[in-house]
Protein backbone atom coordinates (compact mmCIF):
# COMPACT_ATOMS: atom_id res chain seq x y z
CA MET A 1 20.46 41.14 30.59
CA ASN A 2 23.23 39.69 32.77
CA ARG A 3 25.77 36.95 32.10
CA THR A 4 23.72 34.25 33.81
CA GLU A 5 20.66 34.97 31.68
CA LEU A 6 22.78 35.06 28.52
CA ALA A 7 24.41 31.78 29.54
CA ASP A 8 20.92 30.25 29.85
CA TYR A 9 20.40 30.83 26.13
CA ILE A 10 23.85 29.57 25.18
CA THR A 11 23.49 26.42 27.28
CA LYS A 12 20.06 25.60 25.85
CA ARG A 13 21.38 26.06 22.30
CA LEU A 14 24.33 23.75 22.97
CA ASP A 15 22.03 21.18 24.57
CA LEU A 16 19.73 21.23 21.54
CA LEU A 17 22.63 20.63 19.13
CA PHE A 18 24.76 18.46 21.41
CA SER A 19 24.95 15.26 19.34
CA GLU A 20 25.31 17.09 16.03
CA LYS A 21 28.14 19.31 17.30
CA THR A 22 29.95 16.44 18.99
CA GLU A 23 30.03 14.63 15.66
CA GLU A 24 31.06 17.80 13.80
CA PHE A 25 33.95 18.50 16.16
CA CYS A 26 35.30 14.98 15.90
CA GLN A 27 35.56 14.90 12.08
CA SER A 28 38.99 13.64 11.11
CA GLY A 29 41.47 15.14 8.67
CA ARG A 30 40.97 18.73 9.74
CA ILE A 31 41.42 21.16 12.63
CA ASN A 32 38.73 20.12 15.10
CA SER A 33 35.98 22.71 15.14
CA PHE A 34 32.24 23.27 15.12
CA ILE A 35 29.79 26.09 14.38
CA VAL A 36 26.66 27.13 16.25
CA ASP A 37 24.28 29.58 14.56
CA ASP A 38 21.54 31.64 16.23
CA VAL A 39 23.34 31.45 19.55
CA LEU A 40 21.26 34.20 21.15
CA PRO A 41 17.91 35.78 20.31
CA GLU A 42 18.50 38.19 17.43
CA SER A 43 17.54 41.24 19.50
CA LEU A 44 20.23 40.43 22.08
CA ALA A 45 22.89 39.81 19.45
CA LEU A 46 22.04 43.20 17.90
CA GLN A 47 22.23 44.84 21.30
CA ILE A 48 25.74 43.46 21.76
CA TYR A 49 26.81 44.70 18.34
CA ASN A 50 25.38 48.17 18.93
CA ALA A 51 27.30 48.37 22.23
CA PHE A 52 30.69 48.01 20.53
CA PRO A 53 32.98 50.99 21.09
CA LYS A 54 34.36 53.06 18.25
CA LYS A 55 37.65 51.75 16.93
CA GLU A 56 39.38 54.90 18.21
CA GLU A 57 38.53 53.73 21.73
CA MET A 58 40.34 50.42 21.22
CA ILE A 59 43.97 49.39 20.77
CA ARG A 60 45.16 49.05 17.20
CA LYS A 61 47.53 46.19 16.39
CA ARG A 62 49.13 46.82 13.02
CA SER A 63 52.16 45.05 11.56
CA LEU A 64 53.10 42.49 8.93
CA ARG A 65 51.36 39.96 11.18
CA GLU A 66 47.97 41.61 11.58
CA ASN A 67 45.81 44.69 11.37
CA LYS A 68 42.93 44.88 13.83
CA TYR A 69 41.51 46.70 16.86
CA VAL A 70 41.26 44.94 20.23
CA ALA A 71 40.25 45.56 23.82
CA ALA A 72 40.19 43.54 27.04
CA GLN A 73 39.65 46.19 29.73
CA MET A 74 35.94 45.62 29.64
CA ASN A 75 34.90 48.00 32.44
CA LEU A 76 35.65 50.87 30.04
CA TYR A 77 32.79 49.91 27.75
CA ASN A 78 29.08 49.20 27.70
CA PRO A 79 28.38 46.60 30.44
CA ILE A 80 26.58 44.21 28.09
CA LEU A 81 29.88 43.47 26.34
CA GLU A 82 31.43 42.21 29.57
CA GLU A 83 28.28 40.27 30.44
CA ALA A 84 28.25 38.62 27.02
CA ILE A 85 31.92 37.65 27.16
CA TYR A 86 31.64 36.13 30.62
CA ALA A 87 28.42 34.34 29.71
CA PHE A 88 30.65 32.01 27.69
CA GLN A 89 32.60 31.37 30.90
CA ASP A 90 29.55 30.22 32.84
CA LEU A 91 30.24 26.81 34.38
CA ARG A 92 27.35 25.27 32.47
CA VAL A 93 28.71 26.47 29.14
CA VAL A 94 32.22 25.29 30.00
CA SER A 95 30.82 21.91 31.02
CA ARG A 96 28.87 21.48 27.76
CA LEU A 97 31.91 22.39 25.69
CA SER A 98 34.02 19.94 27.64
CA GLU A 99 31.50 17.20 26.87
CA ILE A 100 31.20 18.13 23.18
CA THR A 101 34.96 18.29 22.60
CA GLY A 102 36.00 15.54 24.98
CA ILE A 103 38.57 17.90 26.53
CA LYS A 104 38.60 17.50 30.29
CA GLU A 105 39.56 20.08 32.90
CA LEU A 106 38.61 23.08 30.77
CA ILE A 107 39.40 26.39 32.43
CA ALA A 108 37.84 29.67 31.30
CA ASP A 109 40.12 32.71 31.44
CA LYS A 110 38.78 35.45 33.71
CA TYR A 111 41.72 37.68 32.70
CA LEU A 112 40.77 37.56 28.99
CA TYR A 113 44.41 37.08 28.03
CA ALA A 114 44.44 37.88 24.28
CA GLY A 115 40.64 37.69 24.40
CA GLY A 116 37.88 40.25 24.86
CA ILE A 117 36.54 42.12 21.86
CA SER A 118 37.93 42.80 18.40
CA LEU A 119 36.91 45.03 15.52
CA MET A 120 38.12 44.80 11.94
CA ASP A 121 37.24 47.14 9.09
CA LYS A 122 38.42 47.64 5.51
CA ASP A 123 41.97 46.35 4.88
CA CYS A 124 42.20 44.67 8.29
CA PHE A 125 43.52 41.08 8.32
CA LEU A 126 45.13 38.40 10.42
CA ASN A 127 47.89 36.38 8.78
CA PRO A 128 48.11 32.59 9.28
CA HIS A 129 49.37 31.80 12.77
CA ILE A 130 49.31 29.42 15.68
CA ASP A 131 48.32 30.91 19.01
CA ASN A 132 50.64 31.15 21.98
CA SER A 133 50.58 27.86 23.81
CA HIS A 134 49.82 28.99 27.37
CA ASP A 135 47.86 31.36 29.57
CA LYS A 136 49.34 34.60 30.90
CA ASP A 137 51.09 32.87 33.81
CA ARG A 138 52.38 30.04 31.61
CA SER A 139 50.59 27.56 33.89
CA ASN A 140 47.99 26.01 31.58
CA TYR A 141 47.79 25.10 27.91
CA ARG A 142 45.49 26.94 25.51
CA VAL A 143 43.17 24.31 24.06
CA LEU A 144 40.05 26.02 22.67
CA ASN A 145 39.19 29.30 20.93
CA LEU A 146 35.61 30.60 21.09
CA LEU A 147 34.73 33.29 18.55
CA TYR A 148 31.29 34.88 18.60
CA TYR A 149 30.44 37.13 15.64
CA VAL A 150 27.83 39.88 16.03
CA THR A 151 27.88 42.07 12.89
CA PRO A 152 24.44 41.94 11.23
CA ASN A 153 24.17 41.39 7.48
CA TRP A 154 27.86 40.54 7.12
CA LYS A 155 28.33 38.77 3.79
CA LEU A 156 30.87 36.09 2.97
CA GLU A 157 32.33 38.16 0.12
CA TYR A 158 33.14 41.04 2.49
CA GLY A 159 36.11 39.08 3.87
CA GLY A 160 37.01 39.09 7.55
CA ASN A 161 36.21 35.38 7.68
CA LEU A 162 37.98 32.76 9.77
CA GLU A 163 40.30 30.50 7.78
CA LEU A 164 41.42 27.13 9.10
CA TRP A 165 44.49 25.67 7.37
CA ASP A 166 43.54 22.02 7.79
CA ASN A 167 46.37 20.78 5.57
CA GLY A 168 49.01 23.27 6.60
CA LEU A 169 50.13 26.39 4.79
CA LYS A 170 50.86 24.52 1.55
CA GLY A 171 47.20 23.64 1.19
CA LYS A 172 44.11 25.82 0.94
CA PRO A 173 42.26 27.06 3.99
CA ARG A 174 38.73 26.13 4.97
CA THR A 175 36.76 29.35 5.19
CA ILE A 176 34.19 29.86 7.93
CA TRP A 177 31.89 32.80 7.31
CA SER A 178 31.85 35.27 10.20
CA LYS A 179 28.07 35.29 10.05
CA PHE A 180 25.92 37.31 12.44
CA ASN A 181 25.07 35.55 15.71
CA ARG A 182 27.45 32.67 14.96
CA LEU A 183 29.77 30.94 17.44
CA VAL A 184 32.84 29.11 16.18
CA VAL A 185 34.73 26.77 18.51
CA MET A 186 38.13 25.49 17.37
CA ILE A 187 40.90 23.49 18.92
CA THR A 188 44.35 25.04 19.38
CA THR A 189 47.47 22.92 19.02
CA ARG A 190 51.03 23.25 17.77
CA SER A 191 49.76 22.97 14.19
CA SER A 192 46.32 24.64 14.20
CA PHE A 193 47.15 27.43 11.77
CA HIS A 194 44.30 29.88 11.31
CA SER A 195 43.84 33.36 9.88
CA VAL A 196 41.29 36.04 9.03
CA SER A 197 40.86 36.97 5.38
CA PRO A 198 41.44 40.64 4.43
CA ILE A 199 38.33 42.79 4.59
CA ARG A 200 37.24 44.37 1.30
CA HIS A 201 34.20 46.18 2.65
CA GLU A 202 33.62 49.55 4.30
CA GLY A 203 31.75 48.07 7.25
CA GLN A 204 33.13 46.63 10.51
CA ARG A 205 33.28 43.03 11.61
CA CYS A 206 32.90 42.67 15.38
CA CYS A 207 33.74 39.63 17.47
CA LEU A 208 33.81 38.49 21.10
CA SER A 209 36.66 36.12 21.93
CA ASN A 210 37.20 33.66 24.73
CA TYR A 211 40.04 31.20 25.19
CA TYR A 212 39.88 28.08 27.30
CA PHE A 213 42.87 26.43 28.93
CA SER A 214 43.73 23.09 30.49
CA PRO A 215 46.54 21.78 32.74
CA THR A 216 47.30 19.22 30.01
CA SER A 217 48.04 19.85 26.34
CA ILE A 218 45.83 18.29 23.67
CA ASP A 219 48.44 15.66 22.75
CA GLY A 220 49.57 15.12 26.33
CA GLU A 221 53.10 16.37 25.64
CA GLU A 222 54.85 19.31 27.24
CA TYR A 223 55.78 22.25 25.04
CA PHE A 224 55.84 26.02 24.86
CA HIS A 225 55.70 28.42 21.92
CA ILE A 226 54.86 32.03 21.23
CA THR A 227 52.19 33.21 18.82
CA ALA A 228 53.83 32.47 15.49
CA PHE A 229 52.71 34.26 12.33
CA ARG A 230 53.53 33.17 8.79
CA GLY A 231 52.98 34.52 5.30
CA ARG A 232 50.22 33.28 3.05
CA PRO A 233 51.41 30.94 0.26
CA GLU A 234 51.65 33.86 -2.16
CA GLN A 235 53.49 36.09 0.35
CA LYS A 236 57.01 34.72 -0.10
CA LEU A 237 58.91 37.77 1.19
CA ARG A 238 56.55 38.35 4.08
CA ASP A 239 56.91 34.71 5.10
CA ILE A 240 60.71 35.07 5.24
CA LEU A 241 60.38 38.19 7.40
CA LEU A 242 57.84 36.57 9.69
CA ARG A 243 60.02 33.47 10.13
CA GLY A 244 62.76 35.82 11.31
CA ASP A 245 60.29 37.49 13.64
CA ILE A 246 59.39 34.10 15.15
CA ALA A 247 63.05 33.24 15.70
CA LEU A 248 63.81 36.57 17.37
CA ARG A 249 60.79 36.59 19.67
CA SER A 250 61.28 32.92 20.58
CA ALA A 251 64.89 33.60 21.56
CA ILE A 252 63.79 36.50 23.76
CA ARG A 253 61.21 34.33 25.51
CA LYS A 254 63.87 31.70 26.24
CA LEU A 255 65.93 34.35 27.98
CA PHE A 256 62.92 35.99 29.63
CA PRO A 257 60.19 33.35 30.14
CA LYS A 258 57.67 35.95 31.33
CA GLY A 259 58.54 38.37 28.54
CA ILE A 260 60.24 41.76 28.72
CA LEU A 261 57.18 44.00 28.41
CA PRO A 262 54.17 44.24 30.72
CA LEU A 263 51.06 42.46 29.47
CA PHE A 264 48.60 44.93 27.97
CA HIS A 265 46.00 42.55 26.56
CA VAL A 266 44.51 41.36 29.85
CA TYR A 267 41.58 42.50 31.95
CA LYS A 268 43.15 44.28 34.91
CA LYS A 269 40.35 44.31 37.44
């Protein structure tokens, strides 16, 4: 099964739900987002899940900000993972998502900057954060996140679910279950705080991630910011430490716009 054939399924699913998802995305008073279930035939979604590498074969990111395993160098793994990721970059899929969201000039990221695959198991988490504002070359604005979940029989109570902080960090997040064969599409702006709830289960939650960019920001204004993590409302001390982390890393990026370390989370073809 190649990326074009997989994109056929994705495109047909988006076409079938086009009006419903357009309305869902445009709901006011929250971070713009929509959910598509049963994205691929179940057998294909299972095949993608079973192709995931062991966590020891991925890069672990562990700090006060997050605890997860990631990978973007897709030629190291089962080919279906790369085919599935790039199926979401098919021009037909990009076009449908542009029409659903109303965001013009969408650009899929062939380098998978901060994208690719991720694996989270017990005690993994992702604290509330806003994503970095640009692509790897700082040329285009990040405008959409696409998250495709492939772990079968994953229950809501296991954790590892996407949380959208519609009313900021002083409110309560809207939880989106990381259900098997589910695609979540969300907008990314200067205030689109999101997180992943801590996992309380021995299993692993697997996800394919794509990020779309555009020459113009969502609000039409120019800006730049790094990925900025915060503490949860109950994590007072961690929030203070993470605010300091934001200030330090932001200052470094002002001095070194391209950063001081080589990018590791990109697909180096």
